[in-house]
Amino acid sequence: MDLVRGANGFDVIHENGNWQLNRDTGFSPTQATVAAVAACSGYVYDAILEKKRIEYTIENIHVTFEQDQEAVVRVLKKIEVTFTLKVGDADQAKAEKALHLVKKSCPVAMSLDPNIEIIEKVIFV
């Protein structure tokens, strides 16, 4: 992976189009990190639900984060990942219980500082 200085900051080079890392015109590196946690968590949750043979559709993944505003470097303090899922009533309890496996199986989340609180939630529609 290569990064180059673009017109508005650094660009991550990709054959399908570059990804701009600049909070004013694209995503900040912190937002990219949070998005990576959410995407990885989504792929992991997919795999867990399939392994448990739960019929589902992930409609949406919403992610929020908090930074330590008191620190000199505003490090991530908390990431909250909320999955919106279509699941039959009979499987909702199993799908909710499976959430506890997501963080432990997500290499991106496991690569972060353990002091960053990562919370997974699910909303059924």
C-alpha atoms as a PDB file:
ATOM      1  CA  MET A   1       0.000   0.000   0.000  1.00  0.00           C
ATOM      2  CA  ASP A   2       1.342   3.414  -0.930  1.00  0.00           C
ATOM      3  CA  LEU A   3       0.369   6.906   0.140  1.00  0.00           C
ATOM      4  CA  VAL A   4       1.249   9.992  -1.870  1.00  0.00           C
ATOM      5  CA  ARG A   5       0.788  13.683  -1.235  1.00  0.00           C
ATOM      6  CA  GLY A   6      -2.311  14.730  -3.165  1.00  0.00           C
ATOM      7  CA  ALA A   7      -3.784  18.149  -3.763  1.00  0.00           C
ATOM      8  CA  ASN A   8      -5.626  18.112  -0.419  1.00  0.00           C
ATOM      9  CA  GLY A   9      -3.552  15.832   1.805  1.00  0.00           C
ATOM     10  CA  PHE A  10      -2.436  12.236   1.552  1.00  0.00           C
ATOM     11  CA  ASP A  11      -4.042   9.788  -0.863  1.00  0.00           C
ATOM     12  CA  VAL A  12      -4.012   6.027  -0.467  1.00  0.00           C
ATOM     13  CA  ILE A  13      -3.270   4.649  -3.929  1.00  0.00           C
ATOM     14  CA  HIS A  14      -5.626   1.987  -5.228  1.00  0.00           C
ATOM     15  CA  GLU A  15      -6.167   0.653  -8.728  1.00  0.00           C
ATOM     16  CA  ASN A  16      -9.915   1.396  -8.487  1.00  0.00           C
ATOM     17  CA  GLY A  17      -9.446   4.958  -7.295  1.00  0.00           C
ATOM     18  CA  ASN A  18      -7.504   6.715  -4.597  1.00  0.00           C
ATOM     19  CA  TRP A  19      -8.854   7.299  -1.109  1.00  0.00           C
ATOM     20  CA  GLN A  20      -8.240  10.764   0.271  1.00  0.00           C
ATOM     21  CA  LEU A  21      -7.185  11.020   3.929  1.00  0.00           C
ATOM     22  CA  ASN A  22      -8.063  14.576   4.885  1.00  0.00           C
ATOM     23  CA  ARG A  23     -10.931  15.384   7.247  1.00  0.00           C
ATOM     24  CA  ASP A  24     -11.901  18.503   5.274  1.00  0.00           C
ATOM     25  CA  THR A  25     -12.278  16.820   1.876  1.00  0.00           C
ATOM     26  CA  GLY A  26     -12.490  13.099   2.666  1.00  0.00           C
ATOM     27  CA  PHE A  27     -11.983  10.974   5.754  1.00  0.00           C
ATOM     28  CA  SER A  28      -9.488  11.707   8.501  1.00  0.00           C
ATOM     29  CA  PRO A  29      -7.093   8.908   9.460  1.00  0.00           C
ATOM     30  CA  THR A  30      -9.066   8.518  12.711  1.00  0.00           C
ATOM     31  CA  GLN A  31     -12.328   8.155  10.782  1.00  0.00           C
ATOM     32  CA  ALA A  32     -10.638   5.614   8.510  1.00  0.00           C
ATOM     33  CA  THR A  33      -9.551   3.623  11.572  1.00  0.00           C
ATOM     34  CA  VAL A  34     -13.082   3.670  13.003  1.00  0.00           C
ATOM     35  CA  ALA A  35     -14.536   2.688   9.613  1.00  0.00           C
ATOM     36  CA  ALA A  36     -12.058  -0.212   9.443  1.00  0.00           C
ATOM     37  CA  VAL A  37     -13.249  -1.451  12.845  1.00  0.00           C
ATOM     38  CA  ALA A  38     -16.881  -1.250  11.697  1.00  0.00           C
ATOM     39  CA  ALA A  39     -16.246  -2.990   8.365  1.00  0.00           C
ATOM     40  CA  CYS A  40     -14.153  -5.731   9.946  1.00  0.00           C
ATOM     41  CA  SER A  41     -16.808  -6.220  12.627  1.00  0.00           C
ATOM     42  CA  GLY A  42     -19.429  -6.528   9.885  1.00  0.00           C
ATOM     43  CA  TYR A  43     -17.488  -9.223   8.055  1.00  0.00           C
ATOM     44  CA  VAL A  44     -16.886 -11.083  11.313  1.00  0.00           C
ATOM     45  CA  TYR A  45     -20.555 -10.838  12.357  1.00  0.00           C
ATOM     46  CA  ASP A  46     -21.531 -12.117   8.893  1.00  0.00           C
ATOM     47  CA  ALA A  47     -19.305 -15.165   9.348  1.00  0.00           C
ATOM     48  CA  ILE A  48     -20.588 -15.845  12.876  1.00  0.00           C
ATOM     49  CA  LEU A  49     -24.258 -15.621  11.880  1.00  0.00           C
ATOM     50  CA  GLU A  50     -23.668 -17.881   8.873  1.00  0.00           C
ATOM     51  CA  LYS A  51     -21.811 -20.423  11.017  1.00  0.00           C
ATOM     52  CA  LYS A  52     -24.734 -20.435  13.465  1.00  0.00           C
ATOM     53  CA  ARG A  53     -27.090 -20.921  10.491  1.00  0.00           C
ATOM     54  CA  ILE A  54     -29.124 -17.848  11.306  1.00  0.00           C
ATOM     55  CA  GLU A  55     -31.003 -16.360   8.363  1.00  0.00           C
ATOM     56  CA  TYR A  56     -30.315 -12.634   8.374  1.00  0.00           C
ATOM     57  CA  THR A  57     -29.660  -9.525   6.379  1.00  0.00           C
ATOM     58  CA  ILE A  58     -27.407  -6.770   7.655  1.00  0.00           C
ATOM     59  CA  GLU A  59     -29.296  -3.652   6.594  1.00  0.00           C
ATOM     60  CA  ASN A  60     -26.847  -1.118   7.997  1.00  0.00           C
ATOM     61  CA  ILE A  61     -23.812  -0.676  10.217  1.00  0.00           C
ATOM     62  CA  HIS A  62     -23.697   2.625  12.084  1.00  0.00           C
ATOM     63  CA  VAL A  63     -20.523   3.598  13.931  1.00  0.00           C
ATOM     64  CA  THR A  64     -19.803   6.428  16.334  1.00  0.00           C
ATOM     65  CA  PHE A  65     -16.659   7.253  18.241  1.00  0.00           C
ATOM     66  CA  GLU A  66     -15.340   9.411  21.023  1.00  0.00           C
ATOM     67  CA  GLN A  67     -11.879  10.872  21.413  1.00  0.00           C
ATOM     68  CA  ASP A  68     -10.168  11.958  24.606  1.00  0.00           C
ATOM     69  CA  GLN A  69     -10.587  15.726  24.356  1.00  0.00           C
ATOM     70  CA  GLU A  70      -8.427  16.282  27.462  1.00  0.00           C
ATOM     71  CA  ALA A  71      -5.349  14.532  26.049  1.00  0.00           C
ATOM     72  CA  VAL A  72      -2.630  16.333  24.091  1.00  0.00           C
ATOM     73  CA  VAL A  73      -3.134  13.774  21.324  1.00  0.00           C
ATOM     74  CA  ARG A  74      -6.867  13.153  20.945  1.00  0.00           C
ATOM     75  CA  VAL A  75      -6.705   9.375  21.006  1.00  0.00           C
ATOM     76  CA  LEU A  76      -9.729   7.192  20.462  1.00  0.00           C
ATOM     77  CA  LYS A  77     -11.561   6.480  23.692  1.00  0.00           C
ATOM     78  CA  LYS A  78     -14.678   4.630  22.553  1.00  0.00           C
ATOM     79  CA  ILE A  79     -16.076   3.062  19.371  1.00  0.00           C
ATOM     80  CA  GLU A  80     -19.701   1.970  19.198  1.00  0.00           C
ATOM     81  CA  VAL A  81     -20.794  -0.260  16.317  1.00  0.00           C
ATOM     82  CA  THR A  82     -24.542  -0.743  15.833  1.00  0.00           C
ATOM     83  CA  PHE A  83     -25.810  -3.365  13.412  1.00  0.00           C
ATOM     84  CA  THR A  84     -29.323  -3.065  11.972  1.00  0.00           C
ATOM     85  CA  LEU A  85     -30.408  -6.619  11.168  1.00  0.00           C
ATOM     86  CA  LYS A  86     -33.341  -8.395   9.624  1.00  0.00           C
ATOM     87  CA  VAL A  87     -33.669 -11.630  11.579  1.00  0.00           C
ATOM     88  CA  GLY A  88     -36.666 -13.811  12.320  1.00  0.00           C
ATOM     89  CA  ASP A  89     -38.118 -13.459  15.812  1.00  0.00           C
ATOM     90  CA  ALA A  90     -37.017 -16.981  16.753  1.00  0.00           C
ATOM     91  CA  ASP A  91     -33.332 -16.194  16.006  1.00  0.00           C
ATOM     92  CA  GLN A  92     -33.045 -12.724  17.521  1.00  0.00           C
ATOM     93  CA  ALA A  93     -31.762 -13.926  20.905  1.00  0.00           C
ATOM     94  CA  LYS A  94     -29.095 -16.057  19.194  1.00  0.00           C
ATOM     95  CA  ALA A  95     -28.067 -13.162  16.953  1.00  0.00           C
ATOM     96  CA  GLU A  96     -27.768 -10.846  19.940  1.00  0.00           C
ATOM     97  CA  LYS A  97     -25.775 -13.408  21.930  1.00  0.00           C
ATOM     98  CA  ALA A  98     -23.367 -13.830  19.003  1.00  0.00           C
ATOM     99  CA  LEU A  99     -22.330 -10.166  19.297  1.00  0.00           C
ATOM    100  CA  HIS A 100     -19.895 -10.971  22.113  1.00  0.00           C
ATOM    101  CA  LEU A 101     -17.778 -12.972  19.642  1.00  0.00           C
ATOM    102  CA  VAL A 102     -17.326 -10.111  17.183  1.00  0.00           C
ATOM    103  CA  LYS A 103     -14.642  -8.022  18.915  1.00  0.00           C
ATOM    104  CA  LYS A 104     -12.544 -11.073  19.850  1.00  0.00           C
ATOM    105  CA  SER A 105     -12.563 -12.245  16.228  1.00  0.00           C
ATOM    106  CA  CYS A 106     -11.935  -8.922  14.494  1.00  0.00           C
ATOM    107  CA  PRO A 107      -8.219  -8.420  13.735  1.00  0.00           C
ATOM    108  CA  VAL A 108      -8.650  -4.654  13.358  1.00  0.00           C
ATOM    109  CA  ALA A 109     -10.328  -4.264  16.765  1.00  0.00           C
ATOM    110  CA  MET A 110      -7.788  -6.579  18.382  1.00  0.00           C
ATOM    111  CA  SER A 111      -4.947  -4.478  16.938  1.00  0.00           C
ATOM    112  CA  LEU A 112      -6.080  -1.318  18.717  1.00  0.00           C
ATOM    113  CA  ASP A 113      -5.036  -0.159  22.167  1.00  0.00           C
ATOM    114  CA  PRO A 114      -6.968  -2.296  24.685  1.00  0.00           C
ATOM    115  CA  ASN A 115      -7.965   0.895  26.529  1.00  0.00           C
ATOM    116  CA  ILE A 116     -10.276   1.795  23.629  1.00  0.00           C
ATOM    117  CA  GLU A 117     -13.761   0.661  24.596  1.00  0.00           C
ATOM    118  CA  ILE A 118     -15.476  -1.116  21.709  1.00  0.00           C
ATOM    119  CA  ILE A 119     -19.195  -1.732  22.063  1.00  0.00           C
ATOM    120  CA  GLU A 120     -21.349  -3.742  19.658  1.00  0.00           C
ATOM    121  CA  LYS A 121     -25.120  -3.387  19.561  1.00  0.00           C
ATOM    122  CA  VAL A 122     -27.853  -4.795  17.372  1.00  0.00           C
ATOM    123  CA  ILE A 123     -31.214  -3.364  16.326  1.00  0.00           C
ATOM    124  CA  PHE A 124     -33.748  -5.727  14.761  1.00  0.00           C
ATOM    125  CA  VAL A 125     -36.095  -4.553  12.004  1.00  0.00           C
END
